Amino acid sequence: MIEGIAEAGCDEAGRGCLAGDVYAAAVILPPDFRNELLNDSKKLTESKRYQLRSIIESEAIAWAVGIVTAKEIDRINILRASILAMHRAVEQLKVEPEHLIIDGNKFTPYRNIPFKTVVKGDATYMSIAAASILAKTYRDDYMLALAREYPQYDWASNKGYPTAKHRAAIREYGVTPHHRLSYNLTGEEPRQLEFDFGE
């Protein structure tokens, strides 16, 4: 954190999924914010993530979530979509940040706000960890809602990620409007090019 500067941490969730939108969050925490539980959301239990979401939303100076749809991902690719989701999150912040810290190693400038990319930043900076938690929990809520409409894909459990059960369901039932058609959905084609976001 840069002292005296409104700094927003940004992270995304759902980049590697076969189905569903990609979510990102931006969070500005108070300079004196402390919480021993706050860490990379992937290392926390589901109940701890939701517990922390309430704390982050009540104590953050500002927070917001940005979304890019599966159709947009197919059109512009997942790298651009993940960055666009972060841009959309930052755009919605009620306090304009003076600096951004981004989880991963890829970003494009937003409104000329200075930024820094940090590989594994969600395990280093509290504001990125907070953004990770918001992005993950809001995306999980969205996938759970979709799972009620499409129970055969096991999205309540896999959240759209490429599990064997998910891919078997795609082979049996076909794709939904929420699947990313630019992805290798069945696992039978050559592996698609992926981008390193520090995960």
N, C-alpha and C. Protein backbone atom coordinates (compact mmCIF):
# COMPACT_ATOMS: atom_id res chain seq x y z
N MET A 1 0.85 -1.20 0.00
CA MET A 1 0.00 0.00 0.00
C MET A 1 0.87 1.24 0.00
N ILE A 2 0.50 2.22 -0.83
CA ILE A 2 1.21 3.49 -0.87
C ILE A 2 0.56 4.43 0.13
N GLU A 3 1.33 4.91 1.08
CA GLU A 3 0.79 5.71 2.17
C GLU A 3 0.13 6.98 1.64
N GLY A 4 -1.09 7.24 2.13
CA GLY A 4 -1.80 8.45 1.77
C GLY A 4 -2.47 8.43 0.41
N ILE A 5 -2.40 7.29 -0.28
CA ILE A 5 -2.97 7.17 -1.62
C ILE A 5 -4.15 6.20 -1.59
N ALA A 6 -5.25 6.56 -2.26
CA ALA A 6 -6.39 5.65 -2.39
C ALA A 6 -6.03 4.57 -3.40
N GLU A 7 -5.71 3.40 -2.89
CA GLU A 7 -5.21 2.31 -3.73
C GLU A 7 -6.24 1.18 -3.78
N ALA A 8 -6.60 0.76 -4.98
CA ALA A 8 -7.56 -0.33 -5.15
C ALA A 8 -6.85 -1.61 -5.56
N GLY A 9 -7.16 -2.69 -4.86
CA GLY A 9 -6.70 -4.02 -5.27
C GLY A 9 -7.72 -4.64 -6.20
N CYS A 10 -7.25 -5.34 -7.23
CA CYS A 10 -8.13 -5.95 -8.23
C CYS A 10 -7.78 -7.42 -8.44
N ASP A 11 -8.80 -8.24 -8.58
CA ASP A 11 -8.59 -9.65 -8.90
C ASP A 11 -9.82 -10.17 -9.62
N GLU A 12 -9.65 -11.33 -10.30
CA GLU A 12 -10.75 -11.91 -11.05
C GLU A 12 -11.02 -13.33 -10.58
N ALA A 13 -12.17 -13.87 -11.01
CA ALA A 13 -12.53 -15.25 -10.71
C ALA A 13 -13.24 -15.85 -11.92
N GLY A 14 -12.92 -17.10 -12.22
CA GLY A 14 -13.61 -17.80 -13.30
C GLY A 14 -12.90 -17.79 -14.62
N ARG A 15 -11.62 -17.43 -14.63
CA ARG A 15 -10.89 -17.37 -15.89
C ARG A 15 -10.79 -18.73 -16.57
N GLY A 16 -10.59 -19.79 -15.79
CA GLY A 16 -10.38 -21.10 -16.37
C GLY A 16 -11.64 -21.93 -16.54
N CYS A 17 -12.80 -21.34 -16.34
CA CYS A 17 -14.06 -22.09 -16.41
C CYS A 17 -14.49 -22.34 -17.85
N LEU A 18 -15.23 -23.41 -18.05
CA LEU A 18 -15.81 -23.72 -19.36
C LEU A 18 -17.14 -23.02 -19.58
N ALA A 19 -17.76 -22.60 -18.48
CA ALA A 19 -19.08 -21.98 -18.56
C ALA A 19 -19.17 -20.82 -17.58
N GLY A 20 -20.04 -19.87 -17.93
CA GLY A 20 -20.30 -18.75 -17.05
C GLY A 20 -19.46 -17.53 -17.35
N ASP A 21 -19.90 -16.43 -16.77
CA ASP A 21 -19.21 -15.15 -16.93
C ASP A 21 -17.93 -15.13 -16.10
N VAL A 22 -17.04 -14.21 -16.43
CA VAL A 22 -15.87 -13.97 -15.60
C VAL A 22 -16.18 -12.75 -14.73
N TYR A 23 -15.84 -12.85 -13.46
CA TYR A 23 -16.11 -11.79 -12.49
C TYR A 23 -14.79 -11.18 -12.02
N ALA A 24 -14.80 -9.91 -11.72
CA ALA A 24 -13.65 -9.25 -11.11
C ALA A 24 -14.16 -8.29 -10.05
N ALA A 25 -13.30 -8.00 -9.09
CA ALA A 25 -13.66 -7.03 -8.04
C ALA A 25 -12.51 -6.05 -7.84
N ALA A 26 -12.87 -4.88 -7.37
CA ALA A 26 -11.91 -3.85 -6.99
C ALA A 26 -12.28 -3.39 -5.58
N VAL A 27 -11.27 -3.27 -4.72
CA VAL A 27 -11.52 -2.94 -3.31
C VAL A 27 -10.49 -1.92 -2.83
N ILE A 28 -10.99 -0.85 -2.20
CA ILE A 28 -10.13 0.11 -1.50
C ILE A 28 -10.36 -0.08 -0.01
N LEU A 29 -9.33 -0.53 0.69
CA LEU A 29 -9.43 -0.74 2.14
C LEU A 29 -8.88 0.47 2.90
N PRO A 30 -9.36 0.68 4.13
CA PRO A 30 -8.78 1.74 4.96
C PRO A 30 -7.32 1.43 5.25
N PRO A 31 -6.48 2.47 5.41
CA PRO A 31 -5.06 2.24 5.69
C PRO A 31 -4.81 1.40 6.93
N ASP A 32 -5.70 1.47 7.91
CA ASP A 32 -5.50 0.74 9.16
C ASP A 32 -6.26 -0.58 9.20
N PHE A 33 -6.77 -1.04 8.05
CA PHE A 33 -7.54 -2.28 8.02
C PHE A 33 -6.66 -3.47 8.37
N ARG A 34 -7.11 -4.32 9.27
CA ARG A 34 -6.41 -5.54 9.64
C ARG A 34 -7.42 -6.67 9.82
N ASN A 35 -7.11 -7.85 9.31
CA ASN A 35 -7.94 -9.02 9.55
C ASN A 35 -7.09 -10.26 9.34
N GLU A 36 -6.93 -11.06 10.38
CA GLU A 36 -6.04 -12.22 10.31
C GLU A 36 -6.53 -13.29 9.35
N LEU A 37 -7.84 -13.33 9.09
CA LEU A 37 -8.39 -14.34 8.20
C LEU A 37 -8.17 -14.01 6.72
N LEU A 38 -7.97 -12.74 6.44
CA LEU A 38 -7.93 -12.30 5.04
C LEU A 38 -6.69 -12.84 4.34
N ASN A 39 -6.92 -13.64 3.34
CA ASN A 39 -5.84 -14.26 2.57
C ASN A 39 -6.38 -14.57 1.19
N ASP A 40 -5.56 -15.15 0.36
CA ASP A 40 -5.98 -15.61 -0.96
C ASP A 40 -7.25 -16.44 -0.82
N SER A 41 -8.30 -16.07 -1.56
CA SER A 41 -9.61 -16.72 -1.40
C SER A 41 -9.56 -18.21 -1.73
N LYS A 42 -8.63 -18.62 -2.56
CA LYS A 42 -8.54 -20.04 -2.93
C LYS A 42 -8.07 -20.90 -1.75
N LYS A 43 -7.48 -20.26 -0.72
CA LYS A 43 -6.98 -21.00 0.44
C LYS A 43 -7.96 -20.99 1.60
N LEU A 44 -9.10 -20.34 1.42
CA LEU A 44 -10.09 -20.23 2.49
C LEU A 44 -11.25 -21.20 2.26
N THR A 45 -11.89 -21.60 3.32
CA THR A 45 -13.10 -22.40 3.18
C THR A 45 -14.23 -21.50 2.66
N GLU A 46 -15.25 -22.13 2.12
CA GLU A 46 -16.38 -21.37 1.59
C GLU A 46 -17.02 -20.51 2.66
N SER A 47 -17.22 -21.06 3.86
CA SER A 47 -17.86 -20.30 4.94
C SER A 47 -17.01 -19.10 5.35
N LYS A 48 -15.69 -19.28 5.37
CA LYS A 48 -14.81 -18.15 5.73
C LYS A 48 -14.85 -17.06 4.66
N ARG A 49 -14.93 -17.47 3.38
CA ARG A 49 -15.02 -16.46 2.31
C ARG A 49 -16.26 -15.60 2.48
N TYR A 50 -17.40 -16.24 2.76
CA TYR A 50 -18.63 -15.46 2.90
C TYR A 50 -18.62 -14.62 4.18
N GLN A 51 -18.00 -15.13 5.21
CA GLN A 51 -17.85 -14.35 6.45
C GLN A 51 -17.02 -13.09 6.16
N LEU A 52 -15.93 -13.27 5.42
CA LEU A 52 -15.07 -12.14 5.10
C LEU A 52 -15.74 -11.18 4.12
N ARG A 53 -16.58 -11.70 3.23
CA ARG A 53 -17.26 -10.80 2.29
C ARG A 53 -18.07 -9.75 3.05
N SER A 54 -18.79 -10.16 4.07
CA SER A 54 -19.58 -9.21 4.86
C SER A 54 -18.69 -8.17 5.53
N ILE A 55 -17.55 -8.61 6.06
CA ILE A 55 -16.61 -7.69 6.71
C ILE A 55 -16.04 -6.69 5.70
N ILE A 56 -15.63 -7.20 4.54
CA ILE A 56 -15.04 -6.34 3.50
C ILE A 56 -16.07 -5.31 3.04
N GLU A 57 -17.29 -5.75 2.79
CA GLU A 57 -18.31 -4.83 2.28
C GLU A 57 -18.67 -3.75 3.30
N SER A 58 -18.60 -4.08 4.59
CA SER A 58 -18.97 -3.09 5.60
C SER A 58 -17.81 -2.17 5.97
N GLU A 59 -16.56 -2.65 5.81
CA GLU A 59 -15.42 -1.86 6.28
C GLU A 59 -14.60 -1.21 5.16
N ALA A 60 -14.76 -1.65 3.93
CA ALA A 60 -13.99 -1.06 2.83
C ALA A 60 -14.41 0.39 2.59
N ILE A 61 -13.47 1.18 2.14
CA ILE A 61 -13.78 2.55 1.72
C ILE A 61 -14.68 2.51 0.50
N ALA A 62 -14.37 1.58 -0.41
CA ALA A 62 -15.18 1.39 -1.62
C ALA A 62 -14.92 -0.01 -2.16
N TRP A 63 -15.94 -0.60 -2.77
CA TRP A 63 -15.78 -1.89 -3.43
C TRP A 63 -16.79 -2.01 -4.57
N ALA A 64 -16.45 -2.81 -5.56
CA ALA A 64 -17.35 -3.02 -6.69
C ALA A 64 -16.97 -4.31 -7.41
N VAL A 65 -17.95 -4.85 -8.13
CA VAL A 65 -17.76 -6.08 -8.89
C VAL A 65 -18.08 -5.80 -10.35
N GLY A 66 -17.21 -6.28 -11.25
CA GLY A 66 -17.41 -6.14 -12.69
C GLY A 66 -17.58 -7.51 -13.33
N ILE A 67 -18.37 -7.58 -14.39
CA ILE A 67 -18.72 -8.85 -15.03
C ILE A 67 -18.52 -8.74 -16.54
N VAL A 68 -17.97 -9.80 -17.13
CA VAL A 68 -17.91 -9.92 -18.59
C VAL A 68 -18.55 -11.27 -18.94
N THR A 69 -19.49 -11.25 -19.87
CA THR A 69 -20.28 -12.44 -20.17
C THR A 69 -19.49 -13.47 -20.98
N ALA A 70 -20.03 -14.69 -20.98
CA ALA A 70 -19.41 -15.77 -21.77
C ALA A 70 -19.36 -15.41 -23.26
N LYS A 71 -20.40 -14.76 -23.76
CA LYS A 71 -20.42 -14.35 -25.17
C LYS A 71 -19.33 -13.32 -25.45
N GLU A 72 -19.14 -12.40 -24.52
CA GLU A 72 -18.06 -11.42 -24.69
C GLU A 72 -16.69 -12.10 -24.64
N ILE A 73 -16.55 -13.09 -23.75
CA ILE A 73 -15.29 -13.84 -23.67
C ILE A 73 -14.98 -14.49 -25.01
N ASP A 74 -15.99 -15.12 -25.61
CA ASP A 74 -15.79 -15.75 -26.91
C ASP A 74 -15.39 -14.74 -27.98
N ARG A 75 -15.90 -13.53 -27.85
CA ARG A 75 -15.63 -12.51 -28.88
C ARG A 75 -14.26 -11.87 -28.72
N ILE A 76 -13.81 -11.63 -27.47
CA ILE A 76 -12.58 -10.85 -27.29
C ILE A 76 -11.43 -11.65 -26.67
N ASN A 77 -11.66 -12.85 -26.22
CA ASN A 77 -10.75 -13.80 -25.56
C ASN A 77 -10.67 -13.54 -24.05
N ILE A 78 -10.26 -14.56 -23.32
CA ILE A 78 -10.34 -14.51 -21.85
C ILE A 78 -9.34 -13.52 -21.24
N LEU A 79 -8.19 -13.32 -21.87
CA LEU A 79 -7.25 -12.33 -21.34
C LEU A 79 -7.87 -10.94 -21.35
N ARG A 80 -8.39 -10.53 -22.51
CA ARG A 80 -9.02 -9.20 -22.59
C ARG A 80 -10.26 -9.13 -21.71
N ALA A 81 -11.01 -10.23 -21.64
CA ALA A 81 -12.23 -10.24 -20.83
C ALA A 81 -11.92 -10.07 -19.34
N SER A 82 -10.88 -10.73 -18.87
CA SER A 82 -10.51 -10.61 -17.45
C SER A 82 -10.10 -9.17 -17.12
N ILE A 83 -9.35 -8.56 -18.00
CA ILE A 83 -8.94 -7.16 -17.80
C ILE A 83 -10.15 -6.24 -17.89
N LEU A 84 -11.04 -6.50 -18.85
CA LEU A 84 -12.24 -5.67 -18.98
C LEU A 84 -13.12 -5.78 -17.73
N ALA A 85 -13.22 -6.97 -17.16
CA ALA A 85 -14.00 -7.14 -15.92
C ALA A 85 -13.41 -6.29 -14.80
N MET A 86 -12.06 -6.24 -14.72
CA MET A 86 -11.42 -5.39 -13.71
C MET A 86 -11.71 -3.92 -13.99
N HIS A 87 -11.63 -3.51 -15.26
CA HIS A 87 -11.96 -2.13 -15.62
C HIS A 87 -13.38 -1.78 -15.19
N ARG A 88 -14.31 -2.70 -15.44
CA ARG A 88 -15.71 -2.44 -15.09
C ARG A 88 -15.90 -2.35 -13.57
N ALA A 89 -15.12 -3.12 -12.82
CA ALA A 89 -15.18 -3.02 -11.36
C ALA A 89 -14.65 -1.67 -10.90
N VAL A 90 -13.50 -1.27 -11.40
CA VAL A 90 -12.89 0.01 -11.01
C VAL A 90 -13.82 1.17 -11.36
N GLU A 91 -14.46 1.07 -12.53
CA GLU A 91 -15.36 2.13 -12.99
C GLU A 91 -16.52 2.36 -12.02
N GLN A 92 -16.93 1.31 -11.32
CA GLN A 92 -18.08 1.42 -10.42
C GLN A 92 -17.72 1.85 -9.00
N LEU A 93 -16.45 1.96 -8.69
CA LEU A 93 -16.06 2.38 -7.34
C LEU A 93 -16.60 3.77 -7.03
N LYS A 94 -17.11 3.94 -5.81
CA LYS A 94 -17.66 5.24 -5.42
C LYS A 94 -16.57 6.25 -5.10
N VAL A 95 -15.36 5.75 -4.87
CA VAL A 95 -14.18 6.60 -4.67
C VAL A 95 -13.20 6.27 -5.79
N GLU A 96 -12.78 7.28 -6.54
CA GLU A 96 -11.86 7.00 -7.64
C GLU A 96 -10.46 6.72 -7.09
N PRO A 97 -9.89 5.57 -7.40
CA PRO A 97 -8.56 5.25 -6.88
C PRO A 97 -7.46 6.06 -7.56
N GLU A 98 -6.39 6.28 -6.81
CA GLU A 98 -5.23 6.99 -7.36
C GLU A 98 -4.14 6.02 -7.81
N HIS A 99 -4.32 4.75 -7.43
CA HIS A 99 -3.35 3.72 -7.82
C HIS A 99 -4.07 2.37 -7.80
N LEU A 100 -3.68 1.47 -8.70
CA LEU A 100 -4.26 0.13 -8.76
C LEU A 100 -3.17 -0.91 -8.56
N ILE A 101 -3.48 -1.97 -7.81
CA ILE A 101 -2.60 -3.13 -7.75
C ILE A 101 -3.39 -4.33 -8.26
N ILE A 102 -2.81 -5.03 -9.21
CA ILE A 102 -3.51 -6.06 -9.97
C ILE A 102 -2.89 -7.42 -9.69
N ASP A 103 -3.73 -8.41 -9.40
CA ASP A 103 -3.21 -9.77 -9.25
C ASP A 103 -2.84 -10.32 -10.62
N GLY A 104 -1.63 -10.87 -10.74
CA GLY A 104 -1.18 -11.42 -12.01
C GLY A 104 -0.11 -10.58 -12.66
N ASN A 105 0.08 -10.83 -13.96
CA ASN A 105 1.15 -10.10 -14.66
C ASN A 105 0.68 -9.43 -15.95
N LYS A 106 -0.63 -9.35 -16.15
CA LYS A 106 -1.17 -8.72 -17.36
C LYS A 106 -2.23 -7.69 -16.98
N PHE A 107 -2.15 -6.52 -17.56
CA PHE A 107 -3.17 -5.49 -17.36
C PHE A 107 -2.98 -4.44 -18.43
N THR A 108 -4.04 -3.72 -18.73
CA THR A 108 -3.95 -2.55 -19.60
C THR A 108 -4.45 -1.34 -18.82
N PRO A 109 -3.90 -0.17 -19.06
CA PRO A 109 -4.24 1.00 -18.24
C PRO A 109 -5.73 1.32 -18.26
N TYR A 110 -6.20 1.82 -17.13
CA TYR A 110 -7.58 2.30 -17.03
C TYR A 110 -7.54 3.79 -16.67
N ARG A 111 -8.04 4.61 -17.57
CA ARG A 111 -8.10 6.08 -17.36
C ARG A 111 -6.78 6.66 -16.87
N ASN A 112 -5.69 6.13 -17.34
CA ASN A 112 -4.36 6.64 -16.97
C ASN A 112 -4.06 6.56 -15.47
N ILE A 113 -4.81 5.73 -14.74
CA ILE A 113 -4.50 5.53 -13.32
C ILE A 113 -3.24 4.67 -13.23
N PRO A 114 -2.23 5.08 -12.49
CA PRO A 114 -1.02 4.25 -12.35
C PRO A 114 -1.37 2.89 -11.76
N PHE A 115 -0.65 1.86 -12.19
CA PHE A 115 -0.94 0.52 -11.69
C PHE A 115 0.33 -0.30 -11.56
N LYS A 116 0.21 -1.37 -10.78
CA LYS A 116 1.30 -2.32 -10.60
C LYS A 116 0.70 -3.72 -10.65
N THR A 117 1.31 -4.62 -11.43
CA THR A 117 0.87 -6.01 -11.45
C THR A 117 1.74 -6.81 -10.49
N VAL A 118 1.12 -7.75 -9.79
CA VAL A 118 1.82 -8.54 -8.77
C VAL A 118 1.41 -10.01 -8.91
N VAL A 119 2.36 -10.85 -9.31
CA VAL A 119 2.09 -12.29 -9.37
C VAL A 119 1.85 -12.80 -7.96
N LYS A 120 0.77 -13.57 -7.80
CA LYS A 120 0.33 -14.04 -6.48
C LYS A 120 0.06 -12.88 -5.51
N GLY A 121 -0.43 -11.80 -6.07
CA GLY A 121 -0.72 -10.62 -5.26
C GLY A 121 -1.80 -10.85 -4.23
N ASP A 122 -2.70 -11.82 -4.49
CA ASP A 122 -3.77 -12.10 -3.52
C ASP A 122 -3.24 -12.73 -2.25
N ALA A 123 -2.00 -13.20 -2.27
CA ALA A 123 -1.38 -13.74 -1.06
C ALA A 123 -0.43 -12.72 -0.43
N THR A 124 -0.34 -11.53 -1.02
CA THR A 124 0.62 -10.50 -0.57
C THR A 124 -0.07 -9.24 -0.08
N TYR A 125 -1.08 -8.78 -0.81
CA TYR A 125 -1.75 -7.51 -0.49
C TYR A 125 -3.18 -7.77 -0.03
N MET A 126 -3.56 -7.14 1.09
CA MET A 126 -4.90 -7.36 1.63
C MET A 126 -5.99 -6.89 0.68
N SER A 127 -5.77 -5.79 -0.02
CA SER A 127 -6.83 -5.30 -0.90
C SER A 127 -7.04 -6.23 -2.09
N ILE A 128 -5.97 -6.87 -2.58
CA ILE A 128 -6.14 -7.86 -3.66
C ILE A 128 -6.82 -9.10 -3.11
N ALA A 129 -6.43 -9.54 -1.91
CA ALA A 129 -7.10 -10.68 -1.29
C ALA A 129 -8.59 -10.41 -1.09
N ALA A 130 -8.91 -9.19 -0.69
CA ALA A 130 -10.32 -8.81 -0.52
C ALA A 130 -11.05 -8.85 -1.85
N ALA A 131 -10.41 -8.35 -2.90
CA ALA A 131 -11.02 -8.39 -4.24
C ALA A 131 -11.21 -9.83 -4.70
N SER A 132 -10.25 -10.68 -4.39
CA SER A 132 -10.34 -12.10 -4.73
C SER A 132 -11.57 -12.75 -4.08
N ILE A 133 -11.80 -12.41 -2.83
CA ILE A 133 -12.93 -12.98 -2.09
C ILE A 133 -14.26 -12.50 -2.69
N LEU A 134 -14.37 -11.21 -2.99
CA LEU A 134 -15.62 -10.70 -3.56
C LEU A 134 -15.87 -11.30 -4.94
N ALA A 135 -14.85 -11.34 -5.78
CA ALA A 135 -15.01 -11.90 -7.12
C ALA A 135 -15.44 -13.36 -7.05
N LYS A 136 -14.79 -14.11 -6.19
CA LYS A 136 -15.08 -15.54 -6.06
C LYS A 136 -16.48 -15.79 -5.51
N THR A 137 -16.87 -15.11 -4.45
CA THR A 137 -18.18 -15.38 -3.84
C THR A 137 -19.33 -14.91 -4.72
N TYR A 138 -19.18 -13.76 -5.37
CA TYR A 138 -20.26 -13.30 -6.25
C TYR A 138 -20.38 -14.19 -7.47
N ARG A 139 -19.26 -14.69 -7.97
CA ARG A 139 -19.34 -15.62 -9.10
C ARG A 139 -19.95 -16.95 -8.65
N ASP A 140 -19.59 -17.42 -7.47
CA ASP A 140 -20.17 -18.66 -6.95
C ASP A 140 -21.70 -18.52 -6.82
N ASP A 141 -22.17 -17.39 -6.32
CA ASP A 141 -23.61 -17.16 -6.20
C ASP A 141 -24.28 -17.26 -7.57
N TYR A 142 -23.66 -16.67 -8.57
CA TYR A 142 -24.17 -16.68 -9.94
C TYR A 142 -24.22 -18.10 -10.50
N MET A 143 -23.15 -18.88 -10.28
CA MET A 143 -23.11 -20.25 -10.80
C MET A 143 -24.11 -21.15 -10.07
N LEU A 144 -24.33 -20.91 -8.78
CA LEU A 144 -25.33 -21.68 -8.05
C LEU A 144 -26.74 -21.41 -8.59
N ALA A 145 -27.00 -20.16 -8.98
CA ALA A 145 -28.29 -19.83 -9.59
C ALA A 145 -28.44 -20.53 -10.94
N LEU A 146 -27.38 -20.53 -11.74
CA LEU A 146 -27.42 -21.23 -13.03
C LEU A 146 -27.59 -22.74 -12.85
N ALA A 147 -27.00 -23.28 -11.79
CA ALA A 147 -27.06 -24.73 -11.54
C ALA A 147 -28.49 -25.20 -11.33
N ARG A 148 -29.34 -24.34 -10.78
CA ARG A 148 -30.74 -24.73 -10.58
C ARG A 148 -31.46 -24.88 -11.93
N GLU A 149 -31.01 -24.11 -12.92
CA GLU A 149 -31.61 -24.17 -14.25
C GLU A 149 -31.01 -25.30 -15.09
N TYR A 150 -29.73 -25.62 -14.83
CA TYR A 150 -29.03 -26.65 -15.61
C TYR A 150 -28.35 -27.64 -14.65
N PRO A 151 -29.13 -28.44 -13.91
CA PRO A 151 -28.54 -29.32 -12.89
C PRO A 151 -27.62 -30.41 -13.44
N GLN A 152 -27.81 -30.78 -14.71
CA GLN A 152 -27.03 -31.91 -15.24
C GLN A 152 -25.54 -31.62 -15.36
N TYR A 153 -25.14 -30.35 -15.31
CA TYR A 153 -23.72 -30.01 -15.49
C TYR A 153 -22.95 -29.93 -14.17
N ASP A 154 -23.65 -30.11 -13.05
CA ASP A 154 -23.00 -30.13 -11.73
C ASP A 154 -22.33 -28.81 -11.37
N TRP A 155 -22.90 -27.71 -11.86
CA TRP A 155 -22.30 -26.40 -11.59
C TRP A 155 -22.34 -26.01 -10.12
N ALA A 156 -23.29 -26.58 -9.37
CA ALA A 156 -23.34 -26.28 -7.93
C ALA A 156 -22.05 -26.72 -7.26
N SER A 157 -21.44 -27.75 -7.80
CA SER A 157 -20.18 -28.26 -7.24
C SER A 157 -18.95 -27.71 -7.96
N ASN A 158 -18.96 -27.78 -9.31
CA ASN A 158 -17.73 -27.42 -10.04
C ASN A 158 -17.65 -25.95 -10.44
N LYS A 159 -18.75 -25.20 -10.27
CA LYS A 159 -18.80 -23.76 -10.57
C LYS A 159 -18.39 -23.44 -12.03
N GLY A 160 -18.51 -24.43 -12.91
CA GLY A 160 -18.18 -24.20 -14.32
C GLY A 160 -16.79 -24.63 -14.72
N TYR A 161 -15.99 -25.08 -13.76
CA TYR A 161 -14.63 -25.50 -14.07
C TYR A 161 -14.64 -26.85 -14.80
N PRO A 162 -13.54 -27.19 -15.49
CA PRO A 162 -13.51 -28.38 -16.35
C PRO A 162 -13.27 -29.69 -15.61
N THR A 163 -14.26 -30.12 -14.82
CA THR A 163 -14.17 -31.42 -14.17
C THR A 163 -14.58 -32.51 -15.16
N ALA A 164 -14.26 -33.75 -14.83
CA ALA A 164 -14.64 -34.88 -15.69
C ALA A 164 -16.17 -34.95 -15.82
N LYS A 165 -16.88 -34.72 -14.72
CA LYS A 165 -18.35 -34.78 -14.75
C LYS A 165 -18.93 -33.68 -15.64
N HIS A 166 -18.36 -32.49 -15.56
CA HIS A 166 -18.83 -31.38 -16.38
C HIS A 166 -18.63 -31.70 -17.86
N ARG A 167 -17.44 -32.18 -18.20
CA ARG A 167 -17.15 -32.48 -19.61
C ARG A 167 -17.99 -33.65 -20.13
N ALA A 168 -18.24 -34.62 -19.27
CA ALA A 168 -19.11 -35.74 -19.67
C ALA A 168 -20.52 -35.25 -19.95
N ALA A 169 -21.02 -34.30 -19.15
CA ALA A 169 -22.35 -33.74 -19.35
C ALA A 169 -22.42 -32.96 -20.66
N ILE A 170 -21.35 -32.25 -21.00
CA ILE A 170 -21.32 -31.53 -22.28
C ILE A 170 -21.41 -32.52 -23.44
N ARG A 171 -20.68 -33.62 -23.33
CA ARG A 171 -20.74 -34.63 -24.40
C ARG A 171 -22.13 -35.26 -24.51
N GLU A 172 -22.80 -35.42 -23.36
CA GLU A 172 -24.11 -36.07 -23.37
C GLU A 172 -25.24 -35.11 -23.73
N TYR A 173 -25.22 -33.90 -23.17
CA TYR A 173 -26.35 -32.99 -23.32
C TYR A 173 -26.08 -31.81 -24.26
N GLY A 174 -24.83 -31.64 -24.67
CA GLY A 174 -24.50 -30.49 -25.50
C GLY A 174 -24.20 -29.25 -24.66
N VAL A 175 -24.13 -28.12 -25.33
CA VAL A 175 -23.77 -26.88 -24.64
C VAL A 175 -25.01 -26.06 -24.30
N THR A 176 -24.84 -25.14 -23.36
CA THR A 176 -25.89 -24.19 -22.97
C THR A 176 -25.51 -22.80 -23.50
N PRO A 177 -26.41 -21.84 -23.39
CA PRO A 177 -26.05 -20.47 -23.76
C PRO A 177 -24.94 -19.87 -22.88
N HIS A 178 -24.61 -20.55 -21.79
CA HIS A 178 -23.62 -20.04 -20.85
C HIS A 178 -22.23 -20.65 -21.05
N HIS A 179 -22.11 -21.61 -21.94
CA HIS A 179 -20.80 -22.20 -22.20
C HIS A 179 -19.96 -21.29 -23.09
N ARG A 180 -18.65 -21.34 -22.86
CA ARG A 180 -17.69 -20.55 -23.65
C ARG A 180 -17.28 -21.37 -24.87
N LEU A 181 -17.85 -21.03 -26.00
CA LEU A 181 -17.68 -21.86 -27.20
C LEU A 181 -16.26 -21.79 -27.76
N SER A 182 -15.50 -20.79 -27.35
CA SER A 182 -14.11 -20.67 -27.81
C SER A 182 -13.17 -21.58 -27.02
N TYR A 183 -13.69 -22.25 -25.98
CA TYR A 183 -12.88 -23.13 -25.14
C TYR A 183 -12.94 -24.57 -25.65
N ASN A 184 -11.98 -25.36 -25.21
CA ASN A 184 -11.97 -26.80 -25.47
C ASN A 184 -12.91 -27.46 -24.47
N LEU A 185 -14.18 -27.56 -24.82
CA LEU A 185 -15.21 -27.93 -23.85
C LEU A 185 -15.19 -29.40 -23.45
N THR A 186 -14.84 -30.28 -24.37
CA THR A 186 -14.90 -31.71 -24.06
C THR A 186 -13.55 -32.29 -23.65
N GLY A 187 -12.48 -31.53 -23.85
CA GLY A 187 -11.15 -32.04 -23.53
C GLY A 187 -10.57 -32.95 -24.59
N GLU A 188 -11.26 -33.08 -25.72
CA GLU A 188 -10.82 -33.99 -26.77
C GLU A 188 -10.02 -33.30 -27.86
N GLU A 189 -10.00 -31.95 -27.84
CA GLU A 189 -9.25 -31.20 -28.83
C GLU A 189 -7.90 -30.81 -28.25
N PRO A 190 -6.95 -30.33 -29.09
CA PRO A 190 -5.68 -29.83 -28.54
C PRO A 190 -5.92 -28.74 -27.53
N ARG A 191 -5.12 -28.71 -26.50
CA ARG A 191 -5.27 -27.73 -25.40
C ARG A 191 -5.13 -26.32 -25.93
N GLN A 192 -6.06 -25.44 -25.51
CA GLN A 192 -6.05 -24.07 -26.00
C GLN A 192 -4.94 -23.25 -25.32
N LEU A 193 -4.57 -22.18 -25.97
CA LEU A 193 -3.58 -21.28 -25.41
C LEU A 193 -4.14 -20.63 -24.16
N GLU A 194 -3.38 -20.63 -23.08
CA GLU A 194 -3.81 -20.01 -21.85
C GLU A 194 -2.84 -18.89 -21.48
N PHE A 195 -3.31 -17.95 -20.68
CA PHE A 195 -2.50 -16.82 -20.27
C PHE A 195 -2.19 -16.92 -18.79
N ASP A 196 -1.01 -16.55 -18.41
CA ASP A 196 -0.58 -16.62 -17.01
C ASP A 196 -1.01 -15.38 -16.27
N PHE A 197 -1.92 -15.55 -15.32
CA PHE A 197 -2.33 -14.43 -14.48
C PHE A 197 -1.76 -14.59 -13.08
N GLY A 198 -0.71 -15.39 -12.98
CA GLY A 198 -0.08 -15.57 -11.68
C GLY A 198 -0.74 -16.62 -10.82
N GLU A 199 -1.63 -17.40 -11.39
CA GLU A 199 -2.30 -18.46 -10.62
C GLU A 199 -1.49 -19.74 -10.73
